[in-house]
N, C-alpha and C. Protein backbone atom coordinates (compact mmCIF):
# COMPACT_ATOMS: atom_id res chain seq x y z
N UNK A 1 1.16 21.14 0.61
CA UNK A 1 0.83 19.21 -0.01
C UNK A 1 2.08 18.87 0.34
N UNK A 2 1.63 17.54 0.40
CA UNK A 2 2.74 16.43 0.10
C UNK A 2 2.34 15.43 -0.46
N UNK A 3 2.91 14.64 -1.36
CA UNK A 3 2.79 13.81 -2.06
C UNK A 3 3.09 12.54 -1.25
N UNK A 4 1.98 11.65 -1.14
CA UNK A 4 2.03 10.61 -0.44
C UNK A 4 1.76 9.11 -1.19
N UNK A 5 2.14 7.93 -1.25
CA UNK A 5 2.22 6.92 -1.65
C UNK A 5 1.53 5.93 -0.37
N UNK A 6 0.08 5.09 -0.96
CA UNK A 6 -0.33 3.92 -0.07
C UNK A 6 -0.51 2.75 -1.14
N UNK A 7 -0.14 1.80 -0.03
CA UNK A 7 -0.48 0.55 -0.91
C UNK A 7 -1.42 0.01 -0.33
N UNK A 8 -2.38 -1.18 -1.21
CA UNK A 8 -3.49 -1.30 -0.90
C UNK A 8 -3.75 -3.08 -1.29
N UNK A 9 -4.53 -4.14 -0.12
CA UNK A 9 -3.96 -5.22 -0.25
C UNK A 9 -5.55 -5.73 -0.08
N UNK A 10 -5.88 -6.86 -0.62
CA UNK A 10 -7.25 -7.79 0.02
C UNK A 10 -7.40 -8.87 -0.30
N UNK A 11 -7.54 -10.04 0.59
CA UNK A 11 -7.46 -11.29 0.00
C UNK A 11 -9.15 -12.02 0.58
N UNK A 12 -9.51 -11.33 1.39
CA UNK A 12 -10.87 -11.97 1.61
C UNK A 12 -12.38 -11.07 1.61
N UNK A 13 -13.21 -11.96 1.06
CA UNK A 13 -14.21 -11.17 0.38
C UNK A 13 -14.10 -10.78 -0.66
N UNK A 14 -14.96 -9.55 -1.16
CA UNK A 14 -15.22 -9.39 -2.61
C UNK A 14 -13.54 -8.21 -2.30
N UNK A 15 -12.53 -8.61 -2.76
CA UNK A 15 -11.56 -7.66 -2.91
C UNK A 15 -11.13 -6.55 -3.79
N UNK A 16 -11.85 -6.88 -5.20
CA UNK A 16 -11.72 -5.73 -5.75
C UNK A 16 -13.09 -4.36 -5.46
N UNK A 17 -14.27 -5.20 -4.49
CA UNK A 17 -14.35 -3.99 -4.01
C UNK A 17 -14.23 -3.16 -2.71
N UNK A 18 -13.47 -4.12 -1.79
CA UNK A 18 -12.74 -3.49 -0.58
C UNK A 18 -11.76 -2.35 -1.05
N UNK A 19 -10.85 -2.60 -2.29
CA UNK A 19 -9.96 -1.80 -2.79
C UNK A 19 -10.57 -0.41 -3.52
N UNK A 20 -11.79 -0.68 -4.59
CA UNK A 20 -12.17 0.44 -4.75
C UNK A 20 -12.55 1.24 -3.57
N UNK A 21 -14.10 0.78 -2.79
CA UNK A 21 -14.24 1.60 -1.62
C UNK A 21 -12.95 2.30 -0.77
N UNK A 22 -11.95 1.64 -0.88
CA UNK A 22 -10.80 2.08 -0.02
C UNK A 22 -10.18 3.79 -0.66
N UNK A 23 -10.15 3.44 -1.64
CA UNK A 23 -9.72 4.44 -2.65
C UNK A 23 -10.67 5.78 -2.55
N UNK A 24 -11.80 5.35 -2.86
CA UNK A 24 -12.94 6.22 -2.69
C UNK A 24 -12.93 7.32 -1.42
N UNK A 25 -12.68 6.56 -0.42
CA UNK A 25 -12.58 6.94 1.05
C UNK A 25 -11.65 7.87 1.02
N UNK A 26 -10.05 7.18 0.35
CA UNK A 26 -9.04 8.17 0.77
C UNK A 26 -9.57 9.65 -0.55
N UNK A 27 -10.16 9.66 -1.05
CA UNK A 27 -10.12 10.19 -2.03
C UNK A 27 -11.52 11.93 -1.60
N UNK A 28 -11.89 10.84 -0.55
CA UNK A 28 -12.71 12.17 0.51
C UNK A 28 -12.13 12.29 1.58
N UNK A 29 -10.63 12.51 1.93
CA UNK A 29 -10.65 12.54 3.21
C UNK A 29 -10.05 14.43 3.03
N UNK A 30 -10.00 14.76 4.27
CA UNK A 30 -9.94 16.20 3.98
C UNK A 30 -8.74 16.97 3.68
N UNK A 31 -8.44 17.57 2.43
CA UNK A 31 -7.28 18.36 2.20
C UNK A 31 -6.61 17.15 1.32
N UNK A 32 -7.00 16.03 0.74
CA UNK A 32 -6.89 15.36 -0.04
C UNK A 32 -7.03 14.95 -1.69
N UNK A 33 -6.30 14.34 -2.18
CA UNK A 33 -6.92 14.27 -3.80
C UNK A 33 -6.07 12.67 -3.92
N UNK A 34 -6.75 12.04 -4.51
CA UNK A 34 -6.31 10.75 -5.08
C UNK A 34 -5.47 11.49 -6.59
N UNK A 35 -4.37 11.58 -6.84
CA UNK A 35 -3.71 12.05 -8.67
C UNK A 35 -3.39 10.88 -9.26
N UNK A 36 -3.35 9.84 -9.17
CA UNK A 36 -3.02 8.54 -10.05
C UNK A 36 -3.53 7.01 -8.71
N UNK A 37 -3.20 6.29 -10.16
CA UNK A 37 -3.98 4.87 -9.21
C UNK A 37 -2.91 3.84 -10.11
N UNK A 38 -2.53 2.76 -9.24
CA UNK A 38 -2.02 1.32 -9.98
C UNK A 38 -2.73 0.62 -10.96
N UNK A 39 -2.29 -0.44 -11.83
CA UNK A 39 -2.66 -1.12 -12.15
C UNK A 39 -3.13 -1.98 -11.14
N UNK A 40 -4.22 -3.14 -11.15
CA UNK A 40 -4.28 -4.18 -10.39
C UNK A 40 -3.89 -5.30 -10.46
N UNK A 41 -3.26 -6.01 -9.63
CA UNK A 41 -2.75 -6.95 -9.71
C UNK A 41 -2.80 -8.13 -8.43
N UNK A 42 -2.88 -9.58 -9.17
CA UNK A 42 -3.10 -10.79 -8.28
C UNK A 42 -1.87 -11.36 -8.01
N UNK A 43 -1.31 -11.26 -6.65
CA UNK A 43 -0.05 -11.95 -6.12
C UNK A 43 0.10 -13.05 -4.68
N UNK A 44 0.69 -13.71 -5.07
CA UNK A 44 0.61 -14.71 -4.00
C UNK A 44 1.22 -14.78 -2.67
N UNK A 45 0.37 -14.94 -1.34
CA UNK A 45 0.38 -14.36 0.03
C UNK A 45 1.82 -14.53 0.23
N UNK A 46 2.50 -13.92 1.17
CA UNK A 46 3.64 -13.47 1.46
C UNK A 46 3.57 -13.66 3.01
N UNK A 47 4.75 -14.25 3.40
CA UNK A 47 4.45 -14.45 4.85
C UNK A 47 4.23 -15.63 5.26
N UNK A 48 2.95 -15.52 5.39
CA UNK A 48 1.86 -16.55 5.97
C UNK A 48 1.26 -17.58 4.55
N UNK A 49 1.68 -18.65 4.18
CA UNK A 49 1.51 -18.74 2.54
C UNK A 49 0.31 -19.66 2.48
N UNK A 50 -0.46 -20.17 3.55
CA UNK A 50 -1.38 -20.57 3.26
C UNK A 50 -2.69 -19.88 3.34
N UNK A 51 -2.88 -19.20 2.61
CA UNK A 51 -4.20 -18.06 2.23
C UNK A 51 -4.46 -18.18 0.79
N UNK A 52 -5.50 -16.93 0.88
CA UNK A 52 -5.35 -17.02 -0.73
C UNK A 52 -5.08 -16.08 -1.25
N UNK A 53 -4.43 -15.96 -2.62
CA UNK A 53 -3.63 -14.41 -3.14
C UNK A 53 -4.30 -13.35 -2.92
N UNK A 54 -3.69 -12.51 -3.24
CA UNK A 54 -4.13 -11.20 -2.78
C UNK A 54 -4.33 -10.50 -3.73
N UNK A 55 -5.38 -9.18 -3.96
CA UNK A 55 -5.37 -8.15 -4.93
C UNK A 55 -4.51 -7.08 -4.37
N UNK A 56 -3.56 -6.60 -5.12
CA UNK A 56 -2.99 -5.10 -4.66
C UNK A 56 -3.07 -4.04 -5.49
N UNK A 57 -3.18 -2.91 -5.33
CA UNK A 57 -2.59 -1.96 -6.00
C UNK A 57 -1.82 -0.62 -5.15
N UNK A 58 -1.36 0.31 -5.60
CA UNK A 58 -1.58 1.32 -4.75
C UNK A 58 -1.88 2.84 -5.30
N UNK A 59 -2.09 3.73 -4.52
CA UNK A 59 -2.30 5.11 -5.22
C UNK A 59 -1.15 5.91 -5.04
N UNK A 60 -1.43 7.42 -5.37
CA UNK A 60 -0.42 8.43 -5.01
C UNK A 60 -1.15 9.56 -4.56
N UNK A 61 -1.15 10.12 -3.61
CA UNK A 61 -1.84 10.94 -2.90
C UNK A 61 -1.48 12.68 -2.75
N UNK A 62 -2.32 14.09 -3.20
CA UNK A 62 -1.63 14.79 -2.88
C UNK A 62 -2.19 15.26 -1.44
N UNK A 63 -1.86 15.29 -0.33
CA UNK A 63 -2.60 15.39 1.01
C UNK A 63 -1.86 16.69 1.88
N UNK A 64 -2.70 17.44 2.56
CA UNK A 64 -2.40 18.53 3.21
C UNK A 64 -2.35 18.06 5.09
N UNK A 65 -2.87 16.62 4.82
CA UNK A 65 -2.81 15.99 6.12
C UNK A 65 -1.11 15.40 6.85
N UNK A 66 -0.93 15.50 7.83
CA UNK A 66 0.28 15.20 8.68
C UNK A 66 0.41 13.23 8.61
N UNK A 67 1.66 13.23 8.14
CA UNK A 67 1.65 11.57 8.16
C UNK A 67 1.20 11.15 9.32
N UNK A 68 0.70 11.61 10.74
CA UNK A 68 0.04 11.08 11.84
C UNK A 68 -1.71 11.06 11.35
N UNK A 69 -2.03 12.25 11.04
CA UNK A 69 -3.44 12.30 10.28
C UNK A 69 -4.00 11.04 9.44
N UNK A 70 -2.93 11.25 8.05
CA UNK A 70 -3.41 10.17 7.12
C UNK A 70 -3.07 8.58 7.90
N UNK A 71 -2.20 8.63 8.82
CA UNK A 71 -2.15 7.08 9.01
C UNK A 71 -3.54 6.86 10.02
N UNK A 72 -3.77 7.60 10.40
CA UNK A 72 -5.10 7.52 11.36
C UNK A 72 -6.26 7.53 10.80
N UNK A 73 -6.24 8.20 9.42
CA UNK A 73 -7.65 7.87 8.59
C UNK A 73 -7.12 6.82 7.77
N UNK A 74 -6.01 6.08 7.39
CA UNK A 74 -6.18 4.77 6.65
C UNK A 74 -6.35 3.91 7.48
N UNK A 75 -5.97 3.94 8.60
CA UNK A 75 -7.01 3.02 10.05
C UNK A 75 -8.22 2.75 9.87
N UNK A 76 -8.61 3.94 9.86
CA UNK A 76 -10.06 4.06 10.29
C UNK A 76 -11.07 3.34 8.77
N UNK A 77 -9.92 3.86 7.98
CA UNK A 77 -10.73 3.04 6.31
C UNK A 77 -10.81 1.70 6.45
N UNK A 78 -9.87 1.04 7.05
CA UNK A 78 -9.49 -0.36 7.27
C UNK A 78 -10.48 -0.89 8.22
N UNK A 79 -10.85 -0.36 9.17
CA UNK A 79 -11.73 -1.07 10.50
C UNK A 79 -13.29 -0.71 9.62
N UNK A 80 -13.49 0.16 8.73
CA UNK A 80 -14.94 0.39 7.82
C UNK A 80 -14.97 -0.47 7.02
N UNK A 81 -14.13 -1.53 6.69
CA UNK A 81 -14.27 -2.62 5.65
C UNK A 81 -14.12 -3.76 6.70
N UNK A 82 -14.19 -3.80 7.75
CA UNK A 82 -14.03 -5.22 9.00
C UNK A 82 -13.02 -5.25 9.14
N UNK A 83 -11.53 -4.41 8.93
CA UNK A 83 -10.25 -4.72 9.36
C UNK A 83 -10.43 -5.37 10.59
N UNK A 84 -10.19 -6.35 11.46
CA UNK A 84 -9.23 -6.65 12.76
C UNK A 84 -7.70 -6.53 12.81
N UNK A 85 -7.22 -5.69 13.61
CA UNK A 85 -5.88 -6.16 13.63
C UNK A 85 -4.92 -6.69 14.72
N UNK A 86 -5.72 -8.08 14.74
CA UNK A 86 -5.41 -8.89 15.77
C UNK A 86 -5.30 -10.48 15.31
N UNK A 87 -4.67 -11.25 15.62
CA UNK A 87 -4.02 -12.59 15.31
C UNK A 87 -3.13 -12.56 14.36
N UNK A 88 -3.22 -13.71 13.22
CA UNK A 88 -1.25 -13.86 12.62
C UNK A 88 -1.13 -12.95 11.87
N UNK A 89 0.42 -12.26 12.13
CA UNK A 89 0.94 -11.12 11.11
C UNK A 89 0.94 -11.89 9.73
N UNK A 90 0.66 -11.16 8.81
CA UNK A 90 0.74 -11.31 7.71
C UNK A 90 -0.65 -12.23 7.01
N UNK A 91 -1.39 -12.25 7.75
CA UNK A 91 -2.50 -13.50 7.46
C UNK A 91 -3.98 -13.00 6.84
N UNK A 92 -4.61 -13.39 6.26
CA UNK A 92 -5.59 -12.88 5.20
C UNK A 92 -6.46 -11.59 5.78
N UNK A 93 -6.92 -10.67 4.99
CA UNK A 93 -7.17 -9.90 5.56
C UNK A 93 -8.18 -8.75 4.51
N UNK A 94 -9.75 -8.39 5.22
CA UNK A 94 -10.72 -7.90 4.18
C UNK A 94 -9.80 -6.67 3.66
N UNK A 95 -8.91 -6.01 4.15
CA UNK A 95 -8.24 -4.32 3.75
C UNK A 95 -7.23 -4.19 4.67
N UNK A 96 -6.03 -4.16 3.49
CA UNK A 96 -4.47 -3.72 4.02
C UNK A 96 -4.20 -2.38 3.55
N UNK A 97 -4.23 -1.36 4.19
CA UNK A 97 -3.35 0.13 3.85
C UNK A 97 -2.21 0.46 4.64
N UNK A 98 -0.94 0.53 3.75
CA UNK A 98 -0.19 0.73 4.40
C UNK A 98 0.55 2.31 3.69
N UNK A 99 0.86 3.16 4.61
CA UNK A 99 1.47 4.22 3.83
C UNK A 99 2.89 3.94 3.54
N UNK A 100 3.36 3.84 2.56
CA UNK A 100 4.89 3.66 2.21
C UNK A 100 5.77 4.82 2.35
N UNK A 101 4.96 6.22 1.87
CA UNK A 101 6.15 6.97 1.50
C UNK A 101 5.47 8.26 1.55
N UNK A 102 6.01 9.16 2.30
CA UNK A 102 5.35 10.66 2.41
C UNK A 102 6.75 11.80 1.84
N UNK A 103 6.47 12.71 0.83
CA UNK A 103 7.38 13.34 0.93
C UNK A 103 8.01 14.34 1.97
N UNK A 104 9.19 13.94 2.13
CA UNK A 104 9.83 15.07 3.42
C UNK A 104 9.91 14.70 4.55
N UNK A 105 9.08 13.20 4.63
CA UNK A 105 9.08 12.54 5.83
C UNK A 105 9.87 11.26 5.91
N UNK A 106 10.65 11.38 7.23
CA UNK A 106 11.78 10.42 7.63
C UNK A 106 11.03 9.95 9.20
N UNK A 107 10.84 9.13 9.15
CA UNK A 107 10.49 8.55 10.56
C UNK A 107 10.96 7.04 10.90
N UNK A 108 11.38 6.40 12.20
CA UNK A 108 11.43 5.39 12.42
C UNK A 108 11.01 5.49 14.01
N UNK A 109 9.73 4.98 13.99
CA UNK A 109 9.14 4.74 15.38
C UNK A 109 8.24 3.56 15.57
N UNK A 110 7.95 3.13 16.57
CA UNK A 110 6.67 2.12 16.87
C UNK A 110 5.38 2.07 16.03
N UNK A 111 4.90 3.30 16.15
CA UNK A 111 3.97 3.33 15.36
C UNK A 111 3.72 3.57 13.79
N UNK A 112 4.96 4.41 13.45
CA UNK A 112 5.33 4.67 12.16
C UNK A 112 6.14 4.74 11.56
N UNK A 113 6.80 4.10 10.45
CA UNK A 113 8.16 4.26 10.10
C UNK A 113 7.83 4.34 8.35
N UNK A 114 8.56 5.75 8.24
CA UNK A 114 8.82 5.83 6.79
C UNK A 114 10.22 6.18 6.37
N UNK A 115 10.44 6.02 5.17
CA UNK A 115 9.74 5.32 3.95
C UNK A 115 9.43 4.01 4.50
N UNK A 116 8.20 3.39 4.26
CA UNK A 116 7.99 2.00 4.87
C UNK A 116 8.98 0.89 4.82
N UNK A 117 9.54 0.21 6.07
CA UNK A 117 11.02 -0.31 5.78
C UNK A 117 11.03 -1.64 5.05
N UNK A 118 9.60 -2.38 4.73
CA UNK A 118 10.07 -3.68 4.17
C UNK A 118 9.33 -3.49 2.66
N UNK A 119 9.72 -2.72 1.86
CA UNK A 119 9.17 -2.02 0.24
C UNK A 119 10.26 -2.93 -0.38
N UNK A 120 11.33 -2.70 0.06
CA UNK A 120 12.24 -3.47 -1.13
C UNK A 120 12.51 -5.09 -1.23
N UNK A 121 11.83 -5.59 -0.08
CA UNK A 121 11.43 -7.53 0.20
C UNK A 121 10.34 -7.36 -0.67
N UNK A 122 9.29 -6.73 -0.99
CA UNK A 122 8.12 -6.91 -1.53
C UNK A 122 7.27 -6.85 -2.66
N UNK A 123 7.39 -7.53 -3.83
CA UNK A 123 7.09 -7.50 -4.84
C UNK A 123 5.71 -7.03 -5.36
N UNK A 124 5.01 -7.44 -4.28
CA UNK A 124 3.45 -7.17 -4.38
C UNK A 124 3.47 -5.24 -3.94
N UNK A 125 3.96 -4.85 -3.43
CA UNK A 125 4.36 -3.40 -2.82
C UNK A 125 4.97 -2.58 -4.20
N UNK A 126 5.87 -3.35 -4.40
CA UNK A 126 6.96 -2.42 -5.60
C UNK A 126 6.48 -2.46 -6.85
N UNK A 127 5.39 -3.61 -7.56
CA UNK A 127 4.76 -3.79 -8.66
C UNK A 127 3.75 -2.69 -8.68
N UNK A 128 2.72 -2.84 -7.81
CA UNK A 128 1.79 -1.32 -8.52
C UNK A 128 2.41 0.29 -8.26
N UNK A 129 3.24 0.22 -7.09
CA UNK A 129 4.30 1.71 -6.73
C UNK A 129 4.96 1.85 -7.94
N UNK A 130 5.90 1.06 -8.77
CA UNK A 130 6.25 1.15 -10.02
C UNK A 130 5.29 1.94 -11.24
N UNK A 131 4.30 1.20 -11.12
CA UNK A 131 3.35 2.16 -12.00
C UNK A 131 3.14 3.61 -12.32
N UNK A 132 3.39 3.91 -10.42
CA UNK A 132 3.14 5.13 -10.22
C UNK A 132 4.36 6.09 -10.42
N UNK A 133 5.30 5.42 -9.51
CA UNK A 133 6.69 6.53 -9.33
C UNK A 133 7.72 5.18 -9.62
N UNK A 134 8.16 4.79 -10.81
CA UNK A 134 9.43 3.89 -10.80
C UNK A 134 10.95 4.80 -10.83
N UNK A 135 11.17 6.15 -10.92
CA UNK A 135 11.98 6.99 -10.33
C UNK A 135 12.02 7.68 -8.82
N UNK A 136 11.02 7.29 -8.03
CA UNK A 136 11.17 7.38 -6.77
C UNK A 136 11.96 7.10 -5.66
N UNK A 137 12.88 7.80 -5.15
CA UNK A 137 14.02 7.35 -4.43
C UNK A 137 13.22 7.58 -3.05
N UNK A 138 13.66 6.05 -2.43
CA UNK A 138 13.11 5.63 -1.38
C UNK A 138 14.19 6.07 -0.85
N UNK A 139 14.46 6.86 0.41
CA UNK A 139 16.03 7.03 1.08
C UNK A 139 16.62 6.03 2.23
N UNK A 140 17.63 5.50 1.43
CA UNK A 140 18.23 4.36 2.10
C UNK A 140 17.78 3.15 1.71
N UNK A 141 17.14 3.34 0.60
CA UNK A 141 16.94 1.87 -0.04
C UNK A 141 17.18 2.03 -1.54
N UNK A 142 16.74 2.89 -2.07
CA UNK A 142 16.39 3.12 -3.63
C UNK A 142 15.78 3.26 -4.43
N UNK A 143 15.68 3.56 -5.63
CA UNK A 143 15.09 3.73 -6.58
C UNK A 143 14.04 2.62 -6.61
N UNK A 144 12.71 3.14 -6.79
CA UNK A 144 11.44 1.77 -7.10
C UNK A 144 11.71 0.86 -7.95
N UNK A 145 11.98 1.70 -9.45
CA UNK A 145 12.37 0.56 -10.24
C UNK A 145 13.37 -0.45 -10.33
N UNK A 146 14.59 -0.13 -9.72
CA UNK A 146 15.87 -1.13 -9.63
C UNK A 146 15.33 -1.85 -8.20
N UNK A 147 14.57 -1.16 -7.33
CA UNK A 147 14.41 -2.22 -6.32
C UNK A 147 13.61 -3.57 -7.08
N UNK A 148 12.89 -3.11 -7.47
CA UNK A 148 11.67 -4.40 -8.00
C UNK A 148 12.59 -5.31 -9.31
N UNK A 149 13.19 -4.09 -10.16
CA UNK A 149 14.12 -5.80 -10.80
C UNK A 149 14.84 -6.51 -10.35
N UNK A 150 15.51 -5.97 -8.66
CA UNK A 150 16.04 -7.48 -8.37
C UNK A 150 15.06 -8.27 -7.53
N UNK A 151 13.77 -8.18 -7.62
CA UNK A 151 13.13 -8.73 -6.52
C UNK A 151 12.48 -10.38 -7.81
N UNK A 152 12.23 -11.20 -7.28
CA UNK A 152 11.25 -12.35 -8.04
C UNK A 152 9.78 -11.96 -7.90
N UNK A 153 9.50 -12.04 -8.73
CA UNK A 153 7.76 -11.43 -9.40
C UNK A 153 6.97 -12.77 -10.13
N UNK A 154 7.29 -13.98 -9.53
CA UNK A 154 6.48 -15.32 -10.09
C UNK A 154 5.38 -15.26 -9.68
N UNK A 155 4.37 -15.43 -10.20
CA UNK A 155 3.20 -15.44 -9.33
C UNK A 155 2.55 -14.27 -9.42
N UNK A 156 2.69 -13.34 -9.67
CA UNK A 156 2.34 -11.98 -9.97
C UNK A 156 1.59 -11.75 -11.17
N UNK A 157 0.55 -11.07 -10.96
CA UNK A 157 -0.17 -10.99 -12.70
C UNK A 157 -0.91 -9.74 -12.39
N UNK A 158 -0.70 -9.32 -13.66
CA UNK A 158 -1.89 -8.16 -13.94
C UNK A 158 -3.55 -8.13 -14.38
N UNK A 159 -4.32 -7.54 -13.73
CA UNK A 159 -5.52 -8.14 -13.76
C UNK A 159 -6.05 -7.34 -14.72
N UNK A 160 -7.62 -7.39 -15.36
CA UNK A 160 -8.32 -6.40 -16.38
C UNK A 160 -8.92 -5.77 -15.28
């Protein structure tokens, strides 16, 4: 079993429902258990600024799936939520699931890079990840809590 961290985001439709259903779907994956979930955050858009704010969260999984198997499963969950991976990069979406980190796995490929290459730039990823694992060392980047401390978090808020 490996520990994996997945970021969730949505800013189209019923975002709370999309995130909740995605977490339920991850819990149903073979050889996988959701062991922790972050608080829910409202965050400003990143990249393409002319769009609604996002709801973001993160989950910690214990999984027997390989990184590729888990990525395939996450992409299938996105598709089931109506996600279409065409159009403008960083644009609005019903559901975005990013595999951020997986114990013992370092990769730099076109399909998957682990740890996720832009974690250190994004408060909307680090805020929920810090709820779960502030001391997590991201190889080549640093600890989650320290990376978060260096970022501007204005416009980000915890939701009830």
